[in-house]
N, C-alpha and C. Protein backbone atom coordinates (compact mmCIF):
# COMPACT_ATOMS: atom_id res chain seq x y z
N MET A 1 116.79 125.30 118.44
CA MET A 1 117.43 124.35 117.53
C MET A 1 116.52 124.04 116.36
N GLY A 2 117.13 123.75 115.20
CA GLY A 2 116.35 123.43 114.02
C GLY A 2 115.81 122.01 114.05
N ILE A 3 114.94 121.72 113.11
CA ILE A 3 114.35 120.39 112.98
C ILE A 3 115.11 119.64 111.88
N ARG A 4 115.64 118.48 112.21
CA ARG A 4 116.43 117.68 111.28
C ARG A 4 115.52 116.69 110.55
N LEU A 5 115.66 116.65 109.23
CA LEU A 5 114.77 115.83 108.42
C LEU A 5 115.53 114.91 107.48
N VAL A 6 114.92 113.75 107.22
CA VAL A 6 115.37 112.85 106.17
C VAL A 6 114.24 112.73 105.15
N ILE A 7 114.56 112.82 103.87
CA ILE A 7 113.59 112.69 102.79
C ILE A 7 113.80 111.34 102.11
N ALA A 8 112.71 110.63 101.85
CA ALA A 8 112.81 109.33 101.17
C ALA A 8 111.80 109.26 100.04
N ASP A 9 112.31 109.10 98.83
CA ASP A 9 111.46 108.96 97.65
C ASP A 9 112.32 108.36 96.55
N ASP A 10 111.77 107.40 95.81
CA ASP A 10 112.59 106.77 94.78
C ASP A 10 112.79 107.67 93.56
N SER A 11 112.07 108.79 93.51
CA SER A 11 112.23 109.75 92.42
C SER A 11 113.18 110.86 92.84
N LEU A 12 114.30 110.98 92.13
CA LEU A 12 115.26 112.05 92.42
C LEU A 12 114.63 113.41 92.24
N ILE A 13 113.81 113.55 91.21
CA ILE A 13 113.14 114.83 90.95
C ILE A 13 112.23 115.20 92.12
N ALA A 14 111.51 114.21 92.64
CA ALA A 14 110.61 114.48 93.78
C ALA A 14 111.41 114.90 94.99
N ARG A 15 112.51 114.21 95.25
CA ARG A 15 113.34 114.56 96.42
C ARG A 15 113.89 115.97 96.29
N GLU A 16 114.36 116.30 95.10
CA GLU A 16 114.91 117.64 94.91
C GLU A 16 113.82 118.70 95.05
N GLY A 17 112.62 118.37 94.60
CA GLY A 17 111.51 119.31 94.75
C GLY A 17 111.17 119.57 96.20
N ILE A 18 111.14 118.50 97.00
CA ILE A 18 110.84 118.64 98.43
C ILE A 18 111.96 119.43 99.12
N GLU A 19 113.21 119.13 98.76
CA GLU A 19 114.33 119.88 99.34
C GLU A 19 114.23 121.36 99.02
N HIS A 20 113.83 121.68 97.79
CA HIS A 20 113.68 123.09 97.40
C HIS A 20 112.61 123.78 98.25
N ILE A 21 111.50 123.08 98.48
CA ILE A 21 110.43 123.65 99.30
C ILE A 21 110.90 123.86 100.73
N LEU A 22 111.59 122.86 101.29
CA LEU A 22 112.05 122.97 102.68
C LEU A 22 113.13 124.02 102.85
N ALA A 23 113.87 124.32 101.78
CA ALA A 23 114.93 125.32 101.85
C ALA A 23 114.37 126.71 102.15
N MET A 24 113.06 126.89 101.92
CA MET A 24 112.43 128.17 102.21
C MET A 24 112.22 128.38 103.71
N GLU A 25 112.42 127.32 104.50
CA GLU A 25 112.21 127.40 105.94
C GLU A 25 113.55 127.21 106.64
N PRO A 26 114.18 128.27 107.11
CA PRO A 26 115.53 128.18 107.67
C PRO A 26 115.64 127.29 108.90
N GLU A 27 114.53 127.06 109.60
CA GLU A 27 114.60 126.22 110.80
C GLU A 27 114.53 124.73 110.48
N LEU A 28 114.34 124.40 109.20
CA LEU A 28 114.28 123.00 108.79
C LEU A 28 115.57 122.63 108.07
N GLU A 29 116.20 121.54 108.49
CA GLU A 29 117.47 121.11 107.91
C GLU A 29 117.35 119.69 107.36
N VAL A 30 117.56 119.52 106.07
CA VAL A 30 117.56 118.20 105.46
C VAL A 30 118.94 117.58 105.65
N VAL A 31 119.02 116.50 106.41
CA VAL A 31 120.31 115.89 106.72
C VAL A 31 120.60 114.67 105.85
N ALA A 32 119.58 114.18 105.13
CA ALA A 32 119.80 113.06 104.21
C ALA A 32 118.62 112.98 103.24
N SER A 33 118.93 112.50 102.03
CA SER A 33 117.92 112.32 100.99
C SER A 33 118.19 110.97 100.33
N VAL A 34 117.23 110.04 100.41
CA VAL A 34 117.49 108.66 100.00
C VAL A 34 116.38 108.16 99.06
N GLY A 35 116.68 107.02 98.40
CA GLY A 35 115.77 106.54 97.37
C GLY A 35 115.13 105.21 97.61
N ASP A 36 115.46 104.52 98.71
CA ASP A 36 114.80 103.24 98.98
C ASP A 36 114.77 102.97 100.48
N LEU A 37 114.10 101.88 100.84
CA LEU A 37 113.85 101.58 102.25
C LEU A 37 115.14 101.27 103.01
N GLU A 38 116.04 100.55 102.38
CA GLU A 38 117.30 100.20 103.04
C GLU A 38 118.12 101.45 103.35
N GLU A 39 118.19 102.36 102.37
CA GLU A 39 118.92 103.60 102.58
C GLU A 39 118.25 104.45 103.66
N LEU A 40 116.93 104.41 103.69
CA LEU A 40 116.19 105.19 104.69
C LEU A 40 116.51 104.70 106.10
N ALA A 41 116.47 103.40 106.30
CA ALA A 41 116.76 102.85 107.62
C ALA A 41 118.18 103.22 108.06
N ALA A 42 119.12 103.14 107.12
CA ALA A 42 120.50 103.49 107.44
C ALA A 42 120.64 104.97 107.79
N ALA A 43 119.95 105.83 107.05
CA ALA A 43 120.02 107.27 107.30
C ALA A 43 119.45 107.63 108.66
N VAL A 44 118.36 106.97 109.04
CA VAL A 44 117.75 107.24 110.35
C VAL A 44 118.71 106.85 111.48
N ASP A 45 119.34 105.69 111.35
CA ASP A 45 120.30 105.26 112.37
C ASP A 45 121.52 106.17 112.42
N ARG A 46 121.93 106.64 111.25
CA ARG A 46 123.15 107.45 111.17
C ARG A 46 122.92 108.89 111.61
N GLU A 47 121.83 109.49 111.15
CA GLU A 47 121.61 110.92 111.34
C GLU A 47 120.74 111.27 112.54
N ARG A 48 119.97 110.30 113.02
CA ARG A 48 119.05 110.54 114.14
C ARG A 48 118.18 111.79 113.90
N PRO A 49 117.41 111.80 112.82
CA PRO A 49 116.59 112.98 112.51
C PRO A 49 115.40 113.10 113.46
N ASP A 50 114.75 114.25 113.40
CA ASP A 50 113.53 114.46 114.17
C ASP A 50 112.31 113.95 113.39
N VAL A 51 112.36 114.09 112.06
CA VAL A 51 111.22 113.74 111.22
C VAL A 51 111.71 113.10 109.93
N VAL A 52 110.95 112.11 109.46
CA VAL A 52 111.17 111.53 108.14
C VAL A 52 109.98 111.89 107.26
N LEU A 53 110.26 112.38 106.06
CA LEU A 53 109.24 112.57 105.03
C LEU A 53 109.44 111.45 104.01
N THR A 54 108.50 110.53 103.93
CA THR A 54 108.70 109.37 103.06
C THR A 54 107.55 109.15 102.10
N ASP A 55 107.90 108.80 100.87
CA ASP A 55 106.89 108.38 99.91
C ASP A 55 106.24 107.10 100.43
N ILE A 56 104.97 106.90 100.09
CA ILE A 56 104.29 105.70 100.55
C ILE A 56 104.81 104.45 99.85
N ARG A 57 105.23 104.59 98.59
CA ARG A 57 105.70 103.45 97.81
C ARG A 57 107.14 103.67 97.37
N MET A 58 107.98 102.70 97.72
CA MET A 58 109.40 102.76 97.35
C MET A 58 109.90 101.36 97.08
N PRO A 59 111.08 101.26 96.47
CA PRO A 59 111.70 99.95 96.33
C PRO A 59 111.95 99.37 97.74
N PRO A 60 111.92 98.04 97.92
CA PRO A 60 112.02 97.06 96.84
C PRO A 60 110.71 96.61 96.20
N SER A 61 109.56 96.76 96.88
CA SER A 61 108.33 96.19 96.33
C SER A 61 107.37 97.24 95.77
N ASN A 62 107.64 98.53 96.09
CA ASN A 62 106.76 99.61 95.61
C ASN A 62 105.30 99.36 95.96
N SER A 63 105.06 99.03 97.23
CA SER A 63 103.69 98.81 97.69
C SER A 63 103.34 99.82 98.77
N ASP A 64 103.68 99.51 100.02
CA ASP A 64 103.37 100.43 101.12
C ASP A 64 104.55 100.55 102.08
N GLU A 65 105.76 100.60 101.50
CA GLU A 65 106.97 100.66 102.32
C GLU A 65 106.95 101.80 103.33
N GLY A 66 106.46 102.96 102.92
CA GLY A 66 106.46 104.11 103.82
C GLY A 66 105.65 103.86 105.07
N ILE A 67 104.49 103.24 104.92
CA ILE A 67 103.65 102.95 106.08
C ILE A 67 104.28 101.88 106.95
N ARG A 68 104.81 100.84 106.32
CA ARG A 68 105.43 99.77 107.10
C ARG A 68 106.65 100.29 107.85
N PHE A 69 107.39 101.19 107.22
CA PHE A 69 108.53 101.81 107.89
C PHE A 69 108.05 102.60 109.11
N ALA A 70 107.01 103.41 108.92
CA ALA A 70 106.49 104.23 110.03
C ALA A 70 106.06 103.37 111.19
N ASN A 71 105.39 102.25 110.91
CA ASN A 71 104.93 101.37 111.98
C ASN A 71 106.11 100.68 112.67
N ARG A 72 107.14 100.31 111.91
CA ARG A 72 108.30 99.67 112.52
C ARG A 72 109.04 100.64 113.44
N MET A 73 109.04 101.92 113.09
CA MET A 73 109.72 102.93 113.91
C MET A 73 109.07 103.08 115.28
N ARG A 74 107.82 102.66 115.41
CA ARG A 74 107.17 102.70 116.73
C ARG A 74 107.99 101.92 117.75
N GLU A 75 108.58 100.83 117.30
CA GLU A 75 109.35 99.97 118.20
C GLU A 75 110.79 100.42 118.34
N THR A 76 111.41 100.80 117.24
CA THR A 76 112.85 101.06 117.26
C THR A 76 113.22 102.52 117.51
N HIS A 77 112.38 103.45 117.06
CA HIS A 77 112.66 104.88 117.22
C HIS A 77 111.36 105.61 117.60
N PRO A 78 110.85 105.40 118.80
CA PRO A 78 109.53 105.94 119.17
C PRO A 78 109.43 107.46 119.15
N GLU A 79 110.55 108.15 119.25
CA GLU A 79 110.51 109.62 119.25
C GLU A 79 110.57 110.21 117.85
N LEU A 80 110.72 109.37 116.85
CA LEU A 80 110.83 109.86 115.47
C LEU A 80 109.45 110.18 114.89
N GLY A 81 109.33 111.36 114.31
CA GLY A 81 108.11 111.70 113.59
C GLY A 81 108.20 111.22 112.15
N VAL A 82 107.09 110.70 111.62
CA VAL A 82 107.07 110.22 110.24
C VAL A 82 105.85 110.79 109.53
N ILE A 83 106.10 111.45 108.41
CA ILE A 83 105.01 111.94 107.56
C ILE A 83 105.07 111.18 106.25
N VAL A 84 104.01 110.45 105.96
CA VAL A 84 103.91 109.69 104.72
C VAL A 84 103.32 110.59 103.64
N LEU A 85 103.99 110.67 102.51
CA LEU A 85 103.54 111.49 101.39
C LEU A 85 103.00 110.57 100.30
N SER A 86 101.79 110.87 99.84
CA SER A 86 101.15 109.96 98.88
C SER A 86 100.34 110.73 97.86
N GLN A 87 100.19 110.13 96.69
CA GLN A 87 99.28 110.70 95.70
C GLN A 87 97.93 109.99 95.73
N TYR A 88 97.76 109.07 96.67
CA TYR A 88 96.55 108.24 96.72
C TYR A 88 95.59 108.73 97.79
N GLU A 89 94.38 109.09 97.39
CA GLU A 89 93.33 109.46 98.34
C GLU A 89 92.64 108.18 98.81
N GLU A 90 93.38 107.37 99.54
CA GLU A 90 92.90 106.07 99.96
C GLU A 90 92.84 106.01 101.49
N PRO A 91 91.64 106.10 102.09
CA PRO A 91 91.54 106.10 103.55
C PRO A 91 92.18 104.89 104.21
N ALA A 92 92.16 103.73 103.54
CA ALA A 92 92.72 102.52 104.16
C ALA A 92 94.20 102.71 104.49
N PHE A 93 94.94 103.43 103.63
CA PHE A 93 96.35 103.67 103.91
C PHE A 93 96.51 104.49 105.20
N ALA A 94 95.70 105.53 105.33
CA ALA A 94 95.78 106.38 106.53
C ALA A 94 95.43 105.59 107.78
N LEU A 95 94.41 104.74 107.70
CA LEU A 95 94.02 103.94 108.85
C LEU A 95 95.13 102.97 109.25
N THR A 96 95.77 102.39 108.26
CA THR A 96 96.87 101.47 108.55
C THR A 96 98.02 102.21 109.23
N LEU A 97 98.28 103.43 108.78
CA LEU A 97 99.34 104.23 109.39
C LEU A 97 99.05 104.51 110.86
N LEU A 98 97.79 104.74 111.18
CA LEU A 98 97.41 105.19 112.52
C LEU A 98 96.99 104.06 113.45
N GLU A 99 96.94 102.82 112.96
CA GLU A 99 96.37 101.75 113.77
C GLU A 99 97.21 101.45 115.01
N GLN A 100 98.50 101.79 114.99
CA GLN A 100 99.34 101.58 116.17
C GLN A 100 99.49 102.85 117.01
N GLY A 101 98.72 103.87 116.67
CA GLY A 101 98.79 105.14 117.38
C GLY A 101 98.95 106.29 116.41
N SER A 102 98.41 107.44 116.76
CA SER A 102 98.45 108.59 115.86
C SER A 102 99.53 109.60 116.22
N ASP A 103 100.14 109.48 117.41
CA ASP A 103 101.13 110.46 117.81
C ASP A 103 102.36 110.40 116.91
N ARG A 104 102.86 111.57 116.54
CA ARG A 104 104.05 111.74 115.70
C ARG A 104 103.89 111.11 114.31
N ARG A 105 102.69 111.12 113.79
CA ARG A 105 102.45 110.56 112.47
C ARG A 105 101.64 111.54 111.62
N GLY A 106 101.95 111.54 110.32
CA GLY A 106 101.21 112.38 109.39
C GLY A 106 101.01 111.67 108.06
N TYR A 107 99.95 112.02 107.38
CA TYR A 107 99.66 111.47 106.05
C TYR A 107 99.18 112.64 105.21
N LEU A 108 100.01 113.04 104.24
CA LEU A 108 99.67 114.19 103.39
C LEU A 108 99.68 113.76 101.93
N LEU A 109 98.76 114.32 101.16
CA LEU A 109 98.77 114.11 99.72
C LEU A 109 99.84 115.01 99.10
N LYS A 110 100.46 114.50 98.06
CA LYS A 110 101.60 115.22 97.48
C LYS A 110 101.21 116.55 96.86
N ASP A 111 99.92 116.69 96.49
CA ASP A 111 99.54 117.98 95.90
C ASP A 111 99.50 119.10 96.94
N ARG A 112 99.74 118.78 98.21
CA ARG A 112 99.83 119.79 99.26
C ARG A 112 101.24 120.37 99.37
N LEU A 113 102.21 119.71 98.75
CA LEU A 113 103.59 120.06 99.01
C LEU A 113 103.99 121.43 98.47
N HIS A 114 103.24 121.95 97.51
CA HIS A 114 103.60 123.27 96.98
C HIS A 114 103.41 124.36 98.02
N ASP A 115 102.60 124.09 99.05
CA ASP A 115 102.36 125.06 100.13
C ASP A 115 103.37 124.80 101.24
N HIS A 116 104.50 125.51 101.19
CA HIS A 116 105.57 125.22 102.15
C HIS A 116 105.16 125.54 103.58
N ALA A 117 104.25 126.51 103.76
CA ALA A 117 103.79 126.84 105.11
C ALA A 117 102.99 125.68 105.70
N GLN A 118 102.18 125.04 104.88
CA GLN A 118 101.39 123.91 105.35
C GLN A 118 102.28 122.71 105.68
N LEU A 119 103.28 122.49 104.85
CA LEU A 119 104.22 121.39 105.11
C LEU A 119 105.00 121.66 106.38
N ARG A 120 105.46 122.88 106.57
CA ARG A 120 106.19 123.23 107.79
C ARG A 120 105.31 123.00 109.02
N ALA A 121 104.03 123.41 108.93
CA ALA A 121 103.12 123.23 110.06
C ALA A 121 102.93 121.75 110.39
N ALA A 122 102.87 120.91 109.35
CA ALA A 122 102.72 119.47 109.57
C ALA A 122 103.95 118.90 110.25
N ILE A 123 105.13 119.33 109.81
CA ILE A 123 106.38 118.86 110.41
C ILE A 123 106.45 119.28 111.88
N GLU A 124 106.12 120.52 112.15
CA GLU A 124 106.17 121.01 113.53
C GLU A 124 105.17 120.26 114.41
N ALA A 125 104.02 119.90 113.84
CA ALA A 125 103.00 119.19 114.61
C ALA A 125 103.48 117.81 115.04
N VAL A 126 104.08 117.06 114.12
CA VAL A 126 104.52 115.70 114.49
C VAL A 126 105.72 115.75 115.43
N VAL A 127 106.59 116.78 115.29
CA VAL A 127 107.71 116.93 116.22
C VAL A 127 107.19 117.11 117.64
N LYS A 128 106.08 117.81 117.78
CA LYS A 128 105.50 118.06 119.10
C LYS A 128 104.65 116.90 119.61
N GLY A 129 104.59 115.82 118.83
CA GLY A 129 103.83 114.66 119.27
C GLY A 129 102.43 114.57 118.72
N GLY A 130 102.07 115.47 117.82
CA GLY A 130 100.71 115.47 117.27
C GLY A 130 100.59 114.61 116.03
N ALA A 131 99.43 114.69 115.40
CA ALA A 131 99.14 113.93 114.19
C ALA A 131 98.54 114.87 113.15
N VAL A 132 98.85 114.59 111.89
CA VAL A 132 98.33 115.41 110.80
C VAL A 132 97.82 114.48 109.71
N ILE A 133 96.54 114.62 109.36
CA ILE A 133 95.95 113.85 108.28
C ILE A 133 95.39 114.82 107.25
N ASP A 134 95.70 114.57 105.98
CA ASP A 134 95.25 115.45 104.92
C ASP A 134 93.73 115.62 104.98
N PRO A 135 93.22 116.86 104.86
CA PRO A 135 91.77 117.08 104.93
C PRO A 135 90.97 116.24 103.95
N LYS A 136 91.52 115.97 102.77
CA LYS A 136 90.80 115.13 101.81
C LYS A 136 90.59 113.73 102.35
N LEU A 137 91.57 113.22 103.09
CA LEU A 137 91.45 111.89 103.67
C LEU A 137 90.43 111.90 104.79
N VAL A 138 90.41 112.97 105.58
CA VAL A 138 89.43 113.07 106.65
C VAL A 138 88.01 113.04 106.08
N ASP A 139 87.80 113.80 105.00
CA ASP A 139 86.49 113.80 104.36
C ASP A 139 86.11 112.41 103.87
N ALA A 140 87.08 111.72 103.27
CA ALA A 140 86.81 110.38 102.75
C ALA A 140 86.49 109.41 103.87
N LEU A 141 87.20 109.53 105.01
CA LEU A 141 86.95 108.65 106.15
C LEU A 141 85.56 108.89 106.73
N VAL A 142 85.19 110.16 106.85
CA VAL A 142 83.86 110.50 107.38
C VAL A 142 82.77 109.98 106.46
N ASN A 143 82.93 110.23 105.15
CA ASN A 143 81.92 109.76 104.20
C ASN A 143 81.84 108.24 104.16
N GLY A 144 83.00 107.59 104.26
CA GLY A 144 83.01 106.13 104.27
C GLY A 144 82.34 105.57 105.50
N LYS A 145 82.56 106.20 106.65
CA LYS A 145 81.92 105.74 107.88
C LYS A 145 80.40 105.90 107.78
N ALA A 146 79.95 107.01 107.19
CA ALA A 146 78.51 107.23 107.04
C ALA A 146 77.89 106.18 106.13
N ARG A 147 78.58 105.85 105.02
CA ARG A 147 78.06 104.82 104.12
C ARG A 147 78.02 103.46 104.80
N LEU A 148 79.06 103.18 105.59
CA LEU A 148 79.12 101.89 106.26
C LEU A 148 77.99 101.74 107.27
N GLU A 149 77.68 102.84 107.99
CA GLU A 149 76.61 102.77 108.99
C GLU A 149 75.25 102.56 108.35
N ARG A 150 75.10 102.98 107.08
CA ARG A 150 73.82 102.77 106.39
C ARG A 150 73.77 101.41 105.71
N SER A 151 74.87 100.70 105.73
CA SER A 151 74.97 99.43 105.03
C SER A 151 74.89 98.27 106.01
N PRO A 152 74.44 97.10 105.55
CA PRO A 152 74.49 95.91 106.40
C PRO A 152 75.90 95.60 106.89
N LEU A 153 76.90 96.11 106.17
CA LEU A 153 78.27 95.88 106.59
C LEU A 153 78.57 96.50 107.95
N GLY A 154 77.77 97.50 108.33
CA GLY A 154 77.96 98.14 109.63
C GLY A 154 77.72 97.20 110.80
N GLU A 155 77.05 96.07 110.57
CA GLU A 155 76.78 95.10 111.63
C GLU A 155 77.95 94.15 111.83
N LEU A 156 78.91 94.16 110.93
CA LEU A 156 80.03 93.24 111.05
C LEU A 156 81.03 93.72 112.09
N THR A 157 81.64 92.77 112.79
CA THR A 157 82.72 93.12 113.71
C THR A 157 83.96 93.50 112.91
N PRO A 158 84.93 94.18 113.54
CA PRO A 158 86.16 94.50 112.82
C PRO A 158 86.84 93.27 112.22
N ARG A 159 86.86 92.16 112.94
CA ARG A 159 87.48 90.95 112.40
C ARG A 159 86.70 90.42 111.21
N GLU A 160 85.36 90.47 111.28
CA GLU A 160 84.54 90.02 110.15
C GLU A 160 84.76 90.91 108.93
N GLN A 161 84.97 92.20 109.16
CA GLN A 161 85.25 93.10 108.04
C GLN A 161 86.59 92.75 107.40
N GLU A 162 87.57 92.36 108.23
CA GLU A 162 88.87 91.94 107.69
C GLU A 162 88.71 90.68 106.84
N VAL A 163 87.93 89.73 107.35
CA VAL A 163 87.70 88.49 106.60
C VAL A 163 86.99 88.79 105.29
N LEU A 164 86.00 89.67 105.33
CA LEU A 164 85.28 90.02 104.11
C LEU A 164 86.20 90.70 103.11
N SER A 165 87.10 91.53 103.60
CA SER A 165 88.06 92.17 102.70
C SER A 165 88.92 91.12 101.99
N GLU A 166 89.30 90.08 102.71
CA GLU A 166 90.08 89.01 102.10
C GLU A 166 89.25 88.23 101.09
N ILE A 167 87.96 88.00 101.40
CA ILE A 167 87.06 87.34 100.46
C ILE A 167 86.98 88.14 99.17
N ALA A 168 86.88 89.47 99.33
CA ALA A 168 86.75 90.35 98.16
C ALA A 168 87.98 90.29 97.27
N GLN A 169 89.10 89.84 97.82
CA GLN A 169 90.33 89.69 97.03
C GLN A 169 90.41 88.32 96.36
N GLY A 170 89.34 87.52 96.54
CA GLY A 170 89.29 86.22 95.90
C GLY A 170 90.05 85.12 96.61
N LYS A 171 90.37 85.32 97.87
CA LYS A 171 91.18 84.34 98.59
C LYS A 171 90.34 83.17 99.09
N SER A 172 90.94 82.02 99.14
CA SER A 172 90.30 80.83 99.71
C SER A 172 90.32 80.92 101.22
N ASN A 173 89.57 80.02 101.88
CA ASN A 173 89.56 80.00 103.34
C ASN A 173 90.95 79.76 103.91
N ASN A 174 91.70 78.86 103.28
CA ASN A 174 93.06 78.58 103.75
C ASN A 174 93.95 79.82 103.63
N ALA A 175 93.81 80.53 102.52
CA ALA A 175 94.62 81.74 102.31
C ALA A 175 94.24 82.84 103.30
N ILE A 176 92.94 82.94 103.59
CA ILE A 176 92.48 83.93 104.57
C ILE A 176 93.04 83.60 105.95
N ALA A 177 92.99 82.33 106.31
CA ALA A 177 93.52 81.90 107.60
C ALA A 177 94.99 82.25 107.74
N GLU A 178 95.74 82.03 106.69
CA GLU A 178 97.17 82.33 106.72
C GLU A 178 97.43 83.83 106.80
N ALA A 179 96.65 84.61 106.04
CA ALA A 179 96.86 86.06 106.02
C ALA A 179 96.52 86.71 107.35
N LEU A 180 95.48 86.20 108.02
CA LEU A 180 95.01 86.83 109.26
C LEU A 180 95.45 86.07 110.52
N PHE A 181 96.28 85.06 110.34
CA PHE A 181 96.79 84.27 111.46
C PHE A 181 95.64 83.64 112.27
N LEU A 182 94.71 83.05 111.56
CA LEU A 182 93.57 82.38 112.16
C LEU A 182 93.60 80.90 111.78
N THR A 183 92.85 80.10 112.52
CA THR A 183 92.66 78.71 112.10
C THR A 183 91.62 78.68 110.99
N LYS A 184 91.64 77.62 110.21
CA LYS A 184 90.65 77.49 109.15
C LYS A 184 89.24 77.43 109.73
N ARG A 185 89.10 76.77 110.88
CA ARG A 185 87.79 76.68 111.52
C ARG A 185 87.29 78.07 111.95
N ALA A 186 88.20 78.90 112.47
CA ALA A 186 87.80 80.25 112.88
C ALA A 186 87.35 81.05 111.68
N VAL A 187 88.05 80.90 110.56
CA VAL A 187 87.66 81.61 109.33
C VAL A 187 86.27 81.17 108.89
N GLU A 188 86.01 79.88 108.94
CA GLU A 188 84.69 79.36 108.53
C GLU A 188 83.58 79.93 109.42
N LYS A 189 83.85 80.05 110.72
CA LYS A 189 82.85 80.62 111.63
C LYS A 189 82.60 82.08 111.30
N HIS A 190 83.67 82.85 111.02
CA HIS A 190 83.51 84.26 110.67
C HIS A 190 82.71 84.39 109.37
N ILE A 191 83.00 83.55 108.40
CA ILE A 191 82.31 83.63 107.12
C ILE A 191 80.83 83.30 107.28
N ASN A 192 80.51 82.30 108.07
CA ASN A 192 79.10 81.97 108.31
C ASN A 192 78.38 83.12 108.99
N SER A 193 79.07 83.78 109.92
CA SER A 193 78.47 84.93 110.60
C SER A 193 78.27 86.09 109.63
N ILE A 194 79.23 86.29 108.74
CA ILE A 194 79.11 87.35 107.73
C ILE A 194 77.89 87.10 106.85
N PHE A 195 77.77 85.89 106.34
CA PHE A 195 76.64 85.55 105.47
C PHE A 195 75.32 85.77 106.19
N LEU A 196 75.26 85.41 107.46
CA LEU A 196 74.04 85.57 108.25
C LEU A 196 73.69 87.05 108.42
N LYS A 197 74.69 87.86 108.80
CA LYS A 197 74.44 89.28 109.04
C LYS A 197 74.09 90.03 107.75
N LEU A 198 74.63 89.56 106.63
CA LEU A 198 74.33 90.21 105.36
C LEU A 198 73.05 89.65 104.72
N ASP A 199 72.40 88.76 105.44
CA ASP A 199 71.13 88.18 105.00
C ASP A 199 71.26 87.52 103.63
N LEU A 200 72.34 86.77 103.48
CA LEU A 200 72.55 86.02 102.24
C LEU A 200 71.91 84.65 102.42
N GLY A 201 70.91 84.38 101.61
CA GLY A 201 70.02 83.22 101.81
C GLY A 201 70.63 81.88 101.52
N PRO A 202 69.84 81.00 100.95
CA PRO A 202 70.25 79.59 100.79
C PRO A 202 71.11 79.31 99.57
N GLU A 203 71.62 80.34 98.92
CA GLU A 203 72.46 80.10 97.75
C GLU A 203 73.69 79.28 98.11
N ASP A 204 74.35 78.75 97.10
CA ASP A 204 75.59 78.02 97.36
C ASP A 204 76.67 78.98 97.82
N ASP A 205 77.73 78.41 98.39
CA ASP A 205 78.80 79.21 99.00
C ASP A 205 79.43 80.18 98.01
N VAL A 206 79.64 79.73 96.77
CA VAL A 206 80.27 80.60 95.76
C VAL A 206 79.41 81.83 95.51
N SER A 207 78.10 81.64 95.37
CA SER A 207 77.19 82.77 95.13
C SER A 207 77.20 83.74 96.30
N LYS A 208 77.24 83.20 97.51
CA LYS A 208 77.26 84.05 98.69
C LYS A 208 78.54 84.89 98.73
N ARG A 209 79.65 84.27 98.38
CA ARG A 209 80.92 85.00 98.39
C ARG A 209 80.90 86.11 97.36
N VAL A 210 80.30 85.86 96.20
CA VAL A 210 80.21 86.88 95.16
C VAL A 210 79.34 88.03 95.63
N LYS A 211 78.17 87.73 96.21
CA LYS A 211 77.28 88.79 96.68
C LYS A 211 77.91 89.58 97.82
N ALA A 212 78.59 88.89 98.71
CA ALA A 212 79.26 89.59 99.82
C ALA A 212 80.34 90.52 99.28
N THR A 213 81.07 90.05 98.28
CA THR A 213 82.10 90.88 97.65
C THR A 213 81.50 92.12 97.02
N LEU A 214 80.38 91.97 96.34
CA LEU A 214 79.72 93.11 95.70
C LEU A 214 79.28 94.14 96.74
N LEU A 215 78.75 93.66 97.86
CA LEU A 215 78.35 94.57 98.94
C LEU A 215 79.57 95.32 99.48
N PHE A 216 80.65 94.58 99.67
CA PHE A 216 81.87 95.19 100.18
C PHE A 216 82.40 96.27 99.24
N LEU A 217 82.45 95.95 97.95
CA LEU A 217 82.99 96.89 96.97
C LEU A 217 82.08 98.10 96.80
N SER A 218 80.78 97.92 96.87
CA SER A 218 79.87 99.05 96.73
C SER A 218 80.00 100.01 97.89
N ALA A 219 80.27 99.47 99.09
CA ALA A 219 80.44 100.34 100.26
C ALA A 219 81.80 101.02 100.27
N SER A 220 82.74 100.47 99.50
CA SER A 220 84.10 101.02 99.48
C SER A 220 84.28 102.08 98.42
N ASP A 221 83.34 102.24 97.51
CA ASP A 221 83.47 103.20 96.42
C ASP A 221 83.53 104.63 96.94
């Protein structure tokens, strides 16, 4: 039996391009092509595809709809394979996609799509329960991990790294607490621990937050 696919991208040209590439593989059947998240959810319920190929950013907010859709499918359609297509070499997106599990998930950069054999292999891999991550993202993740281990940031716990990421976005303690579902007191404890581990001295709180942000951004480059 062939593999049934749904394509999701807000660009009609992009969707048609992907359909043209998939048409070269007779065992792959595109059963729906949609332009936003609402249409995608409806197509999955209606067509029951094996795999969804979705752009990372789509209406309504054009942020990370593709990833949020993939994670939601873990609960509602656990057998569905989802490959997120992106033009962004951003390891954080791939990590977010895989944080609930790597089975039946893929993250490919769009410049790979011209190679129909590679795309077919990725589709077949997620159908079989595997995971596919673009090699460029793997390199970035490895390099980022090496930089983190050489940095004082490597001493932070995962939760402290999340808090520091929120600090780097300029958020107040109250905003951090709301974003991470923590109490304000818990946020304050995490921040004090961060400052201590990063060896930020007796400066005022604002200066410490600025220095911590600079450390975070330098390690993220």
